Amino acid sequence: MTSTDSPADGLTALRALLALAVVFVMLATTGWTTLHRPDDEPSARAAALALWATATIDGRRLPAADAPAAGIGRFFGSLTGPQRNLLADRYPLVVGNLGGAPVSLRYRANRRAIGQARAEEQRQSGNFRLSPADRDAAARRAHRYRSLLDPERRILAFDPAGGGRIAEVFGDLDRAERVSVIVPGVDTDLLTFERTQRRYTAPVGMSEALYDAERATAPTVRTAVIAWADYTSPVGVGMDAATGRLASEGAVRLAALTAALPGRSTVALFCHSYGSVVCGVAAHRLPARVTDIAVAGSPGMRAGSAADLETSAQVWAMRDQGDWIADVPYMELGGVGHGADPVSPSFGARRLASTGAQGHTGYFTPGTTSLDNFARIGVGAYGSVVCAAGENACWSGISGTDGA
């Protein structure tokens, strides 16, 4: 350091070197191929979309699958019940993912699509032209689909291509006053969507725990929780996890989801790990109904501050003392890294306590302060949240909050 260099300059340079070292390790262990994972299998959804694009019902053309949710809603509202069911049964991978289509119709379509996917995986599991590893993978997917076909489950989105994408609803989405959306991080796909062991580290367990906690916190508030794994998440801690490419793609899907939810419910996002990157990238395009964005174990939100997110939503952040994510370089250099630390006081988020979370994956474990805080935000009980140490009133300034 020269006589004109400041300690801050030296710290910035050191952090840049650390970031480059992280990049080197990622490249050495994962290779550039992680940027574009090939998928040689044909997409059943792509085939269904091609058929949908040229189809009619009683002489009427079907709307574009990417049409605005309001237009989709008007189209299905103009159909009879049998007509709607016919489309769901004939094009389940399209209707099951259509924002604006009736929620109950999407559940029906996805049940049919999952049943078809399960039958295919069962066939593949007995195909001895495949390797033993491929047959085993097919059997595991068939087992997962069997679980998803439980009559009590409400599947809002489903696409079996690649690792798969899925979203599930807990509660009555049509009647909900407040909707919570859980956005998970790396290594989330159809097989990891739910777990028997370490249940609360997977989207289904996280959502069940939050739904139960919200009902316990405010029994009279009609709530629904969405386990949202409807984006392609990074596999492992490689280059995809260190860059924003997949987050940018996921952000488009997340914004579309929040805009297409039925009714006039408010929406709170609970974003874990890389999921907080998705939420950060999506923040500026979210509709006004999104009132809260809460991040836990965040590697950054690809922003320098909460103000840089350009959102009207309240931004909350927490990190457990034992969470290894605190050791990542909080910066962005040449597209690598996700920016400032959301729990840093200078970031400007409302900082929450996370007592009991125990590490990077324990934030949704029942009995923890972290889950209780999420539930209070989800139902709008802001005045009862527990702030991080040193924060006297992280809820102050929120309309209608008196701290009680």
Protein backbone atom coordinates (compact mmCIF):
# COMPACT_ATOMS: atom_id res chain seq x y z
CA MET A 1 0.00 0.00 0.00
CA THR A 2 1.42 3.38 -0.98
CA SER A 3 1.25 6.49 1.17
CA THR A 4 -1.76 7.70 -0.81
CA ASP A 5 -3.71 4.45 -0.48
CA SER A 6 -6.42 4.32 2.19
CA PRO A 7 -7.21 1.29 4.37
CA ALA A 8 -10.55 1.08 2.54
CA ASP A 9 -8.71 0.74 -0.79
CA GLY A 10 -6.68 -2.10 0.64
CA LEU A 11 -9.77 -3.85 1.96
CA THR A 12 -11.49 -3.53 -1.42
CA ALA A 13 -8.48 -5.01 -3.18
CA LEU A 14 -8.33 -7.87 -0.69
CA ARG A 15 -11.99 -8.67 -1.20
CA ALA A 16 -11.50 -8.62 -4.96
CA LEU A 17 -8.63 -11.11 -4.64
CA LEU A 18 -10.80 -13.33 -2.45
CA ALA A 19 -13.58 -13.22 -5.01
CA LEU A 20 -11.17 -14.16 -7.79
CA ALA A 21 -9.86 -17.00 -5.66
CA VAL A 22 -13.41 -18.29 -5.21
CA VAL A 23 -13.93 -18.11 -8.99
CA PHE A 24 -10.71 -20.06 -9.58
CA VAL A 25 -11.78 -22.80 -7.19
CA MET A 26 -15.19 -23.00 -8.86
CA LEU A 27 -13.69 -23.30 -12.30
CA ALA A 28 -11.18 -25.88 -11.14
CA THR A 29 -13.85 -28.03 -9.52
CA THR A 30 -16.88 -27.54 -11.76
CA GLY A 31 -15.67 -26.27 -15.13
CA TRP A 32 -17.35 -23.86 -17.49
CA THR A 33 -19.88 -26.50 -18.49
CA THR A 34 -21.96 -25.55 -15.46
CA LEU A 35 -22.94 -22.38 -17.28
CA HIS A 36 -24.90 -24.32 -19.87
CA ARG A 37 -25.98 -27.73 -18.65
CA PRO A 38 -27.07 -29.77 -21.68
CA ASP A 39 -30.41 -31.54 -21.66
CA ASP A 40 -30.62 -34.12 -24.42
CA GLU A 41 -34.09 -35.32 -23.51
CA PRO A 42 -36.95 -33.86 -25.57
CA SER A 43 -39.29 -31.66 -23.56
CA ALA A 44 -42.85 -32.91 -23.20
CA ARG A 45 -43.97 -29.39 -22.33
CA ALA A 46 -42.39 -27.96 -25.49
CA ALA A 47 -44.33 -30.51 -27.54
CA ALA A 48 -47.54 -29.63 -25.69
CA LEU A 49 -46.99 -25.91 -26.28
CA ALA A 50 -46.54 -26.53 -30.01
CA LEU A 51 -49.87 -28.37 -30.16
CA TRP A 52 -51.60 -25.70 -28.06
CA ALA A 53 -50.40 -22.94 -30.41
CA THR A 54 -52.41 -24.37 -33.32
CA ALA A 55 -55.38 -25.80 -31.43
CA THR A 56 -58.98 -24.59 -31.23
CA ILE A 57 -61.99 -25.35 -29.08
CA ASP A 58 -65.37 -25.24 -30.78
CA GLY A 59 -63.80 -23.18 -33.56
CA ARG A 60 -62.11 -20.67 -31.23
CA ARG A 61 -58.35 -20.22 -31.21
CA LEU A 62 -56.66 -20.72 -27.87
CA PRO A 63 -54.79 -17.76 -26.32
CA ALA A 64 -51.01 -17.64 -26.47
CA ALA A 65 -49.50 -19.51 -23.53
CA ASP A 66 -47.49 -16.41 -22.62
CA ALA A 67 -50.46 -14.02 -22.81
CA PRO A 68 -51.09 -11.74 -19.79
CA ALA A 69 -52.83 -13.46 -16.89
CA ALA A 70 -55.86 -11.19 -17.15
CA GLY A 71 -56.47 -12.24 -20.76
CA ILE A 72 -56.03 -15.91 -19.86
CA GLY A 73 -58.54 -15.46 -17.06
CA ARG A 74 -61.11 -13.87 -19.37
CA PHE A 75 -60.71 -16.68 -21.90
CA PHE A 76 -61.32 -19.44 -19.35
CA GLY A 77 -64.16 -17.41 -17.87
CA SER A 78 -65.90 -17.54 -21.24
CA LEU A 79 -65.77 -21.34 -21.41
CA THR A 80 -68.18 -23.89 -19.99
CA GLY A 81 -67.03 -26.27 -17.27
CA PRO A 82 -66.74 -29.21 -19.70
CA GLN A 83 -64.73 -27.07 -22.13
CA ARG A 84 -62.29 -26.05 -19.41
CA ASN A 85 -61.87 -29.64 -18.27
CA LEU A 86 -61.32 -30.79 -21.85
CA LEU A 87 -58.41 -28.37 -22.28
CA ALA A 88 -56.91 -29.37 -18.93
CA ASP A 89 -57.09 -33.05 -19.81
CA ARG A 90 -55.85 -32.63 -23.38
CA TYR A 91 -53.02 -30.14 -22.66
CA PRO A 92 -52.14 -30.66 -18.98
CA LEU A 93 -48.55 -29.39 -19.25
CA VAL A 94 -49.87 -26.14 -20.70
CA VAL A 95 -52.99 -25.50 -18.61
CA GLY A 96 -51.25 -26.56 -15.40
CA ASN A 97 -48.73 -23.74 -15.82
CA LEU A 98 -51.00 -20.99 -17.16
CA GLY A 99 -51.01 -17.88 -15.00
CA GLY A 100 -54.58 -16.59 -14.95
CA ALA A 101 -56.23 -19.99 -15.44
CA PRO A 102 -58.52 -21.03 -12.55
CA VAL A 103 -56.45 -22.47 -9.73
CA SER A 104 -58.65 -25.56 -9.38
CA LEU A 105 -58.23 -26.24 -13.11
CA ARG A 106 -54.46 -26.00 -12.78
CA TYR A 107 -54.56 -28.53 -9.94
CA ARG A 108 -56.56 -30.88 -12.17
CA ALA A 109 -54.22 -30.44 -15.13
CA ASN A 110 -51.09 -31.00 -13.06
CA ARG A 111 -52.50 -34.13 -11.48
CA ARG A 112 -52.99 -35.51 -14.98
CA ALA A 113 -49.52 -34.39 -16.11
CA ILE A 114 -47.88 -35.97 -13.06
CA GLY A 115 -49.75 -39.20 -13.66
CA GLN A 116 -48.48 -39.29 -17.23
CA ALA A 117 -44.94 -38.52 -16.10
CA ARG A 118 -45.09 -41.28 -13.49
CA ALA A 119 -46.24 -43.85 -16.05
CA GLU A 120 -43.32 -42.90 -18.30
CA GLU A 121 -40.79 -43.17 -15.48
CA GLN A 122 -42.18 -46.54 -14.47
CA ARG A 123 -41.65 -47.75 -18.03
CA GLN A 124 -38.10 -46.40 -18.06
CA SER A 125 -37.28 -47.99 -14.70
CA GLY A 126 -37.88 -51.39 -16.31
CA ASN A 127 -36.07 -50.59 -19.55
CA PHE A 128 -32.98 -52.81 -19.52
CA ARG A 129 -31.51 -50.97 -22.49
CA LEU A 130 -30.76 -48.20 -19.99
CA SER A 131 -27.90 -48.29 -17.53
CA PRO A 132 -28.60 -49.40 -13.95
CA ALA A 133 -28.03 -45.82 -12.79
CA ASP A 134 -30.59 -44.48 -15.27
CA ARG A 135 -33.12 -47.12 -14.29
CA ASP A 136 -32.61 -46.26 -10.64
CA ALA A 137 -33.07 -42.54 -11.36
CA ALA A 138 -36.32 -43.30 -13.21
CA ALA A 139 -37.56 -45.36 -10.26
CA ARG A 140 -36.80 -42.51 -7.86
CA ARG A 141 -38.69 -40.04 -10.03
CA ALA A 142 -41.66 -42.42 -10.28
CA HIS A 143 -41.64 -42.65 -6.48
CA ARG A 144 -41.65 -38.85 -6.18
CA TYR A 145 -44.55 -38.57 -8.62
CA ARG A 146 -46.51 -41.14 -6.62
CA SER A 147 -46.18 -38.88 -3.58
CA LEU A 148 -47.25 -35.81 -5.58
CA LEU A 149 -50.42 -37.64 -6.69
CA ASP A 150 -51.80 -37.72 -3.16
CA PRO A 151 -55.41 -36.43 -3.51
CA GLU A 152 -54.86 -33.78 -0.83
CA ARG A 153 -52.00 -32.07 -2.65
CA ARG A 154 -52.49 -28.90 -4.71
CA ILE A 155 -49.86 -28.64 -7.43
CA LEU A 156 -49.85 -25.18 -8.98
CA ALA A 157 -47.06 -25.73 -11.55
CA PHE A 158 -45.27 -28.78 -12.96
CA ASP A 159 -42.72 -29.45 -15.68
CA PRO A 160 -40.75 -32.74 -15.62
CA ALA A 161 -38.06 -31.58 -18.09
CA GLY A 162 -34.48 -31.77 -16.85
CA GLY A 163 -34.37 -31.69 -13.06
CA GLY A 164 -37.98 -30.55 -13.10
CA ARG A 165 -39.88 -27.52 -11.83
CA ILE A 166 -42.82 -27.52 -9.46
CA ALA A 167 -44.92 -25.36 -7.13
CA GLU A 168 -47.36 -26.50 -4.45
CA VAL A 169 -50.02 -24.64 -2.48
CA PHE A 170 -50.83 -25.08 1.20
CA GLY A 171 -54.17 -23.54 2.11
CA ASP A 172 -56.95 -22.04 0.02
CA LEU A 173 -55.29 -19.81 -2.56
CA ASP A 174 -58.57 -18.48 -3.95
CA ARG A 175 -59.80 -17.24 -0.57
CA ALA A 176 -56.49 -16.20 1.00
CA GLU A 177 -56.11 -12.68 2.33
CA ARG A 178 -52.34 -13.06 2.61
CA VAL A 179 -50.13 -15.33 0.50
CA SER A 180 -46.58 -16.31 1.39
CA VAL A 181 -44.18 -17.60 -1.27
CA ILE A 182 -41.07 -19.57 -0.32
CA VAL A 183 -38.24 -19.21 -2.86
CA PRO A 184 -35.57 -21.87 -2.19
CA GLY A 185 -31.91 -21.97 -3.20
CA VAL A 186 -29.41 -24.30 -4.86
CA ASP A 187 -30.01 -27.97 -5.60
CA THR A 188 -33.79 -27.62 -5.69
CA ASP A 189 -35.60 -29.85 -8.16
CA LEU A 190 -38.38 -32.42 -8.23
CA LEU A 191 -36.39 -35.00 -6.26
CA THR A 192 -35.33 -32.56 -3.54
CA PHE A 193 -38.69 -30.76 -3.38
CA GLU A 194 -39.51 -32.72 -0.25
CA ARG A 195 -37.47 -34.84 2.15
CA THR A 196 -38.24 -37.34 4.88
CA GLN A 197 -34.93 -36.72 6.61
CA ARG A 198 -34.08 -33.07 7.31
CA ARG A 199 -37.66 -32.27 6.38
CA TYR A 200 -37.52 -28.54 7.01
CA THR A 201 -34.60 -27.98 4.64
CA ALA A 202 -36.78 -28.76 1.59
CA PRO A 203 -39.47 -26.49 0.08
CA VAL A 204 -42.41 -28.69 1.11
CA GLY A 205 -41.30 -28.92 4.73
CA MET A 206 -40.46 -25.21 4.83
CA SER A 207 -43.93 -24.34 3.53
CA GLU A 208 -45.79 -26.70 5.82
CA ALA A 209 -43.94 -25.27 8.81
CA LEU A 210 -44.65 -21.68 7.76
CA TYR A 211 -48.32 -22.39 7.06
CA ASP A 212 -48.78 -23.98 10.49
CA ALA A 213 -46.90 -21.11 12.18
CA GLU A 214 -49.00 -18.48 10.40
CA ARG A 215 -52.26 -20.13 11.45
CA ALA A 216 -51.01 -20.34 15.04
CA THR A 217 -49.97 -16.68 14.96
CA ALA A 218 -53.21 -15.33 13.48
CA PRO A 219 -55.98 -17.97 13.40
CA THR A 220 -58.53 -15.56 11.92
CA VAL A 221 -56.37 -14.50 8.97
CA ARG A 222 -56.94 -16.52 5.80
CA THR A 223 -53.48 -17.50 4.61
CA ALA A 224 -51.91 -19.66 1.92
CA VAL A 225 -48.28 -20.64 1.40
CA ILE A 226 -46.68 -21.58 -1.91
CA ALA A 227 -43.63 -23.83 -2.07
CA TRP A 228 -42.20 -22.31 -5.24
CA ALA A 229 -39.57 -24.44 -6.96
CA ASP A 230 -40.75 -23.31 -10.39
CA TYR A 231 -37.35 -22.07 -11.55
CA THR A 232 -34.12 -23.79 -12.53
CA SER A 233 -31.81 -23.48 -9.54
CA PRO A 234 -28.01 -23.92 -9.58
CA VAL A 235 -26.61 -27.40 -9.03
CA GLY A 236 -24.03 -27.26 -6.26
CA VAL A 237 -21.79 -24.34 -5.38
CA GLY A 238 -20.43 -23.76 -8.88
CA MET A 239 -20.39 -20.94 -11.38
CA ASP A 240 -24.18 -20.93 -11.72
CA ALA A 241 -24.44 -20.27 -7.98
CA ALA A 242 -21.90 -17.43 -8.21
CA THR A 243 -23.55 -15.60 -11.11
CA GLY A 244 -26.98 -14.14 -11.78
CA ARG A 245 -27.92 -15.96 -14.97
CA LEU A 246 -30.31 -18.46 -13.42
CA ALA A 247 -31.55 -15.83 -10.97
CA SER A 248 -32.49 -13.56 -13.87
CA GLU A 249 -34.46 -16.35 -15.52
CA GLY A 250 -36.11 -17.24 -12.21
CA ALA A 251 -36.95 -13.59 -11.50
CA VAL A 252 -39.10 -13.39 -14.64
CA ARG A 253 -41.05 -16.45 -13.51
CA LEU A 254 -41.40 -15.17 -9.94
CA ALA A 255 -42.74 -11.81 -11.09
CA ALA A 256 -45.22 -13.58 -13.36
CA LEU A 257 -46.40 -15.77 -10.47
CA THR A 258 -47.05 -12.85 -8.13
CA ALA A 259 -48.89 -10.91 -10.83
CA ALA A 260 -51.14 -13.86 -11.71
CA LEU A 261 -52.25 -14.94 -8.22
CA PRO A 262 -56.03 -14.89 -7.83
CA GLY A 263 -57.95 -12.31 -5.83
CA ARG A 264 -56.51 -9.28 -4.08
CA SER A 265 -54.33 -10.95 -1.49
CA THR A 266 -51.12 -9.31 -0.37
CA VAL A 267 -47.95 -11.32 -0.95
CA ALA A 268 -44.81 -11.86 1.12
CA LEU A 269 -41.69 -13.52 -0.31
CA PHE A 270 -39.43 -15.63 1.91
CA CYS A 271 -36.19 -16.18 0.05
CA HIS A 272 -33.51 -18.57 1.22
CA SER A 273 -29.87 -18.63 0.09
CA TYR A 274 -29.68 -18.36 -3.74
CA GLY A 275 -33.42 -17.80 -3.66
CA SER A 276 -32.65 -14.36 -2.22
CA VAL A 277 -30.68 -13.60 -5.38
CA VAL A 278 -33.79 -14.45 -7.41
CA CYS A 279 -35.90 -12.19 -5.19
CA GLY A 280 -33.37 -9.36 -5.44
CA VAL A 281 -33.30 -9.48 -9.23
CA ALA A 282 -37.10 -9.68 -9.36
CA ALA A 283 -37.72 -6.89 -6.82
CA HIS A 284 -38.05 -3.96 -9.20
CA ARG A 285 -40.62 -5.73 -11.40
CA LEU A 286 -42.85 -7.12 -8.64
CA PRO A 287 -46.44 -5.83 -8.41
CA ALA A 288 -47.48 -3.55 -5.55
CA ARG A 289 -49.33 -6.42 -3.88
CA VAL A 290 -45.92 -7.78 -2.80
CA THR A 291 -45.58 -6.08 0.58
CA ASP A 292 -42.56 -7.91 2.02
CA ILE A 293 -39.33 -9.53 0.87
CA ALA A 294 -37.58 -11.45 3.66
CA VAL A 295 -34.21 -13.09 3.01
CA ALA A 296 -32.36 -15.65 5.12
CA GLY A 297 -28.83 -16.95 4.63
CA SER A 298 -28.39 -14.64 1.66
CA PRO A 299 -25.20 -14.48 -0.45
CA GLY A 300 -26.44 -11.06 -1.65
CA MET A 301 -29.34 -9.70 -3.67
CA ARG A 302 -27.30 -8.29 -6.58
CA ALA A 303 -27.74 -4.82 -5.13
CA GLY A 304 -25.68 -2.41 -3.08
CA SER A 305 -28.53 -1.52 -0.73
CA ALA A 306 -32.22 -2.10 -0.08
CA ALA A 307 -32.96 1.17 -1.88
CA ASP A 308 -31.20 -0.16 -4.99
CA LEU A 309 -33.81 -2.92 -5.22
CA GLU A 310 -36.33 -0.29 -6.33
CA THR A 311 -39.27 -1.94 -4.63
CA SER A 312 -42.11 -0.65 -2.47
CA ALA A 313 -41.96 -3.85 -0.41
CA GLN A 314 -40.45 -3.92 3.07
CA VAL A 315 -37.05 -5.66 2.92
CA TRP A 316 -36.12 -7.91 5.86
CA ALA A 317 -32.92 -9.89 6.42
CA MET A 318 -31.60 -12.45 8.89
CA ARG A 319 -28.56 -14.70 9.21
CA ASP A 320 -27.76 -17.26 11.87
CA GLN A 321 -24.44 -16.86 13.67
CA GLY A 322 -23.33 -20.30 12.50
CA ASP A 323 -24.33 -19.85 8.86
CA TRP A 324 -21.31 -20.46 6.60
CA ILE A 325 -22.72 -18.04 4.01
CA ALA A 326 -21.24 -15.21 6.11
CA ASP A 327 -17.81 -16.21 4.78
CA VAL A 328 -18.56 -15.57 1.10
CA PRO A 329 -17.16 -12.34 -0.40
CA TYR A 330 -20.07 -9.89 -0.41
CA MET A 331 -19.30 -8.10 -3.64
CA GLU A 332 -19.79 -8.34 -7.40
CA LEU A 333 -16.85 -8.45 -9.79
CA GLY A 334 -17.23 -9.08 -13.50
CA GLY A 335 -20.64 -10.65 -13.00
CA VAL A 336 -19.40 -12.98 -10.24
CA GLY A 337 -20.79 -12.48 -6.75
CA HIS A 338 -24.10 -11.03 -5.63
CA GLY A 339 -23.32 -7.66 -4.10
CA ALA A 340 -23.57 -6.25 -0.61
CA ASP A 341 -24.44 -8.19 2.53
CA PRO A 342 -28.19 -7.81 3.26
CA VAL A 343 -27.66 -8.09 7.02
CA SER A 344 -25.04 -5.34 7.05
CA PRO A 345 -26.44 -2.20 8.73
CA SER A 346 -25.38 -0.16 5.70
CA PHE A 347 -27.58 -2.25 3.38
CA GLY A 348 -30.69 -0.80 4.97
CA ALA A 349 -32.83 -3.92 5.43
CA ARG A 350 -34.91 -4.46 8.57
CA ARG A 351 -32.78 -6.94 10.48
CA LEU A 352 -34.44 -9.90 12.21
CA ALA A 353 -33.39 -12.31 14.93
CA SER A 354 -32.94 -15.96 13.94
CA THR A 355 -32.35 -17.63 17.30
CA GLY A 356 -32.37 -21.42 17.05
CA ALA A 357 -31.92 -21.62 13.29
CA GLN A 358 -28.58 -23.46 13.61
CA GLY A 359 -26.63 -22.95 10.42
CA HIS A 360 -27.54 -22.36 6.81
CA THR A 361 -30.59 -24.59 6.45
CA GLY A 362 -32.43 -24.29 9.76
CA TYR A 363 -34.44 -21.11 9.29
CA PHE A 364 -37.81 -22.86 8.84
CA THR A 365 -37.47 -25.30 11.73
CA PRO A 366 -40.45 -25.15 14.10
CA GLY A 367 -39.63 -23.56 17.43
CA THR A 368 -37.06 -21.15 16.02
CA THR A 369 -37.30 -17.38 16.24
CA SER A 370 -36.58 -17.24 12.52
CA LEU A 371 -39.73 -19.20 11.62
CA ASP A 372 -41.81 -17.24 14.13
CA ASN A 373 -40.60 -13.98 12.57
CA PHE A 374 -41.47 -15.21 9.09
CA ALA A 375 -44.97 -16.16 10.26
CA ARG A 376 -45.53 -12.74 11.83
CA ILE A 377 -44.47 -11.01 8.64
CA GLY A 378 -46.63 -13.37 6.60
CA VAL A 379 -49.78 -12.44 8.53
CA GLY A 380 -48.88 -8.76 8.88
CA ALA A 381 -48.18 -8.84 12.64
CA TYR A 382 -45.15 -6.62 12.18
CA GLY A 383 -45.15 -5.15 15.66
CA SER A 384 -44.47 -8.56 17.22
CA VAL A 385 -41.39 -9.50 15.18
CA VAL A 386 -38.16 -10.02 17.11
CA CYS A 387 -35.41 -7.77 15.81
CA ALA A 388 -31.75 -8.67 15.56
CA ALA A 389 -29.51 -7.83 18.50
CA GLY A 390 -28.95 -4.11 18.63
CA GLU A 391 -32.11 -3.34 16.64
CA ASN A 392 -34.72 -1.79 18.94
CA ALA A 393 -37.60 -1.44 16.48
CA CYS A 394 -36.91 -2.98 13.08
CA TRP A 395 -40.67 -2.78 12.44
CA SER A 396 -40.93 0.97 12.97
CA GLY A 397 -42.41 3.09 10.22
CA ILE A 398 -44.61 0.35 8.75
CA SER A 399 -48.16 1.60 8.30
CA GLY A 400 -50.50 0.30 10.99
CA THR A 401 -47.74 -1.06 13.21
CA ASP A 402 -47.79 -0.04 16.83
CA GLY A 403 -45.26 -2.48 18.20
CA ALA A 404 -47.83 -4.38 20.21
